[in-house]
Amino acid sequence: MALLTERIRISQNYLSEIQHLIPAPLRRHIKAGPLDEGTWCLLVSNAAVSTKVRQLLPVLLRLLTQNGAQVTAIRIKVQVKPP
């Protein structure tokens, strides 16, 4: 349980580190997702946000690694809301 709690905390910290690079209107559509073996996941609300964030991935990954994050890749997952 402690390991899971730590991963959640780290994931949320990563999101905090990159917030300033994400355009303000998109920020509310992005949540920190799972962190697993060097791959971090961003959860987004729709495909349009996914497309915009995908364009930022190189900059986001570079910032995280420069700040010492143990991330080698960032995935984007669209969260589908139930009807």
C-alpha atoms as a PDB file:
ATOM      1  CA  MET A   1       0.000   0.000   0.000  1.00  0.00           C
ATOM      2  CA  ALA A   2       2.853   2.384   0.826  1.00  0.00           C
ATOM      3  CA  LEU A   3       4.396   1.849  -2.613  1.00  0.00           C
ATOM      4  CA  LEU A   4       1.115   2.696  -4.332  1.00  0.00           C
ATOM      5  CA  THR A   5       0.688   5.823  -2.221  1.00  0.00           C
ATOM      6  CA  GLU A   6       4.237   6.898  -3.081  1.00  0.00           C
ATOM      7  CA  ARG A   7       3.646   6.393  -6.831  1.00  0.00           C
ATOM      8  CA  ILE A   8       0.477   8.483  -6.664  1.00  0.00           C
ATOM      9  CA  ARG A   9       2.335  11.258  -4.842  1.00  0.00           C
ATOM     10  CA  ILE A  10       5.169  11.224  -7.383  1.00  0.00           C
ATOM     11  CA  SER A  11       2.712  11.263 -10.299  1.00  0.00           C
ATOM     12  CA  GLN A  12       0.906  14.272  -8.852  1.00  0.00           C
ATOM     13  CA  ASN A  13       4.241  16.026  -8.285  1.00  0.00           C
ATOM     14  CA  TYR A  14       5.173  15.447 -11.923  1.00  0.00           C
ATOM     15  CA  LEU A  15       1.919  17.066 -13.015  1.00  0.00           C
ATOM     16  CA  SER A  16       2.624  20.043 -10.753  1.00  0.00           C
ATOM     17  CA  GLU A  17       6.072  20.425 -12.329  1.00  0.00           C
ATOM     18  CA  ILE A  18       4.719  20.640 -15.871  1.00  0.00           C
ATOM     19  CA  GLN A  19       1.518  22.670 -15.246  1.00  0.00           C
ATOM     20  CA  HIS A  20       3.099  25.937 -16.359  1.00  0.00           C
ATOM     21  CA  LEU A  21       3.904  24.437 -19.782  1.00  0.00           C
ATOM     22  CA  ILE A  22       0.299  23.417 -20.456  1.00  0.00           C
ATOM     23  CA  PRO A  23      -1.997  26.115 -21.875  1.00  0.00           C
ATOM     24  CA  ALA A  24      -4.368  27.344 -19.156  1.00  0.00           C
ATOM     25  CA  PRO A  25      -7.609  26.265 -20.918  1.00  0.00           C
ATOM     26  CA  LEU A  26      -6.345  22.653 -21.121  1.00  0.00           C
ATOM     27  CA  ARG A  27      -5.186  22.262 -17.511  1.00  0.00           C
ATOM     28  CA  ARG A  28      -8.588  21.344 -16.109  1.00  0.00           C
ATOM     29  CA  HIS A  29      -8.849  18.508 -18.652  1.00  0.00           C
ATOM     30  CA  ILE A  30      -5.644  16.760 -17.546  1.00  0.00           C
ATOM     31  CA  LYS A  31      -5.039  14.540 -14.524  1.00  0.00           C
ATOM     32  CA  ALA A  32      -2.006  12.666 -13.274  1.00  0.00           C
ATOM     33  CA  GLY A  33      -2.223   8.998 -14.106  1.00  0.00           C
ATOM     34  CA  PRO A  34      -0.266   5.883 -13.213  1.00  0.00           C
ATOM     35  CA  LEU A  35       3.510   5.756 -13.051  1.00  0.00           C
ATOM     36  CA  ASP A  36       4.989   2.387 -13.939  1.00  0.00           C
ATOM     37  CA  GLU A  37       8.608   1.445 -14.689  1.00  0.00           C
ATOM     38  CA  GLY A  38       9.634   4.797 -16.130  1.00  0.00           C
ATOM     39  CA  THR A  39       6.428   5.424 -18.060  1.00  0.00           C
ATOM     40  CA  TRP A  40       4.087   8.088 -16.767  1.00  0.00           C
ATOM     41  CA  CYS A  41       0.508   8.401 -17.957  1.00  0.00           C
ATOM     42  CA  LEU A  42      -1.501  11.588 -18.349  1.00  0.00           C
ATOM     43  CA  LEU A  43      -5.264  11.151 -18.269  1.00  0.00           C
ATOM     44  CA  VAL A  44      -7.116  13.559 -20.543  1.00  0.00           C
ATOM     45  CA  SER A  45     -10.809  14.219 -20.991  1.00  0.00           C
ATOM     46  CA  ASN A  46     -11.104  13.977 -24.780  1.00  0.00           C
ATOM     47  CA  ALA A  47      -9.309  13.408 -28.083  1.00  0.00           C
ATOM     48  CA  ALA A  48      -8.846  17.114 -28.804  1.00  0.00           C
ATOM     49  CA  VAL A  49      -6.957  17.606 -25.545  1.00  0.00           C
ATOM     50  CA  SER A  50      -4.957  14.468 -26.297  1.00  0.00           C
ATOM     51  CA  THR A  51      -3.851  15.912 -29.628  1.00  0.00           C
ATOM     52  CA  LYS A  52      -2.764  19.212 -28.090  1.00  0.00           C
ATOM     53  CA  VAL A  53      -0.896  17.539 -25.221  1.00  0.00           C
ATOM     54  CA  ARG A  54       0.794  15.084 -27.586  1.00  0.00           C
ATOM     55  CA  GLN A  55       2.437  18.076 -29.289  1.00  0.00           C
ATOM     56  CA  LEU A  56       3.902  19.123 -25.921  1.00  0.00           C
ATOM     57  CA  LEU A  57       5.302  15.710 -24.959  1.00  0.00           C
ATOM     58  CA  PRO A  58       8.946  16.344 -25.927  1.00  0.00           C
ATOM     59  CA  VAL A  59       9.042  19.555 -23.876  1.00  0.00           C
ATOM     60  CA  LEU A  60       7.248  17.965 -20.912  1.00  0.00           C
ATOM     61  CA  LEU A  61       9.550  14.946 -20.880  1.00  0.00           C
ATOM     62  CA  ARG A  62      12.657  17.118 -21.172  1.00  0.00           C
ATOM     63  CA  LEU A  63      11.591  19.271 -18.205  1.00  0.00           C
ATOM     64  CA  LEU A  64      10.852  16.256 -16.042  1.00  0.00           C
ATOM     65  CA  THR A  65      14.155  14.553 -16.792  1.00  0.00           C
ATOM     66  CA  GLN A  66      16.089  17.797 -16.239  1.00  0.00           C
ATOM     67  CA  ASN A  67      14.430  18.011 -12.820  1.00  0.00           C
ATOM     68  CA  GLY A  68      15.574  14.479 -11.964  1.00  0.00           C
ATOM     69  CA  ALA A  69      12.400  12.533 -12.719  1.00  0.00           C
ATOM     70  CA  GLN A  70      12.872   8.847 -13.483  1.00  0.00           C
ATOM     71  CA  VAL A  71      10.591   9.044 -16.543  1.00  0.00           C
ATOM     72  CA  THR A  72      11.597   7.754 -19.971  1.00  0.00           C
ATOM     73  CA  ALA A  73       8.201   8.100 -21.667  1.00  0.00           C
ATOM     74  CA  ILE A  74       4.837   9.790 -21.226  1.00  0.00           C
ATOM     75  CA  ARG A  75       1.637   8.109 -22.390  1.00  0.00           C
ATOM     76  CA  ILE A  76      -1.672   9.873 -22.930  1.00  0.00           C
ATOM     77  CA  LYS A  77      -4.912   8.086 -22.196  1.00  0.00           C
ATOM     78  CA  VAL A  78      -8.334   9.494 -23.005  1.00  0.00           C
ATOM     79  CA  GLN A  79     -10.751   8.805 -20.182  1.00  0.00           C
ATOM     80  CA  VAL A  80     -14.139   7.959 -21.604  1.00  0.00           C
ATOM     81  CA  LYS A  81     -16.983   9.177 -19.415  1.00  0.00           C
ATOM     82  CA  PRO A  82     -19.819   6.708 -18.979  1.00  0.00           C
ATOM     83  CA  PRO A  83     -23.097   7.758 -20.642  1.00  0.00           C
END
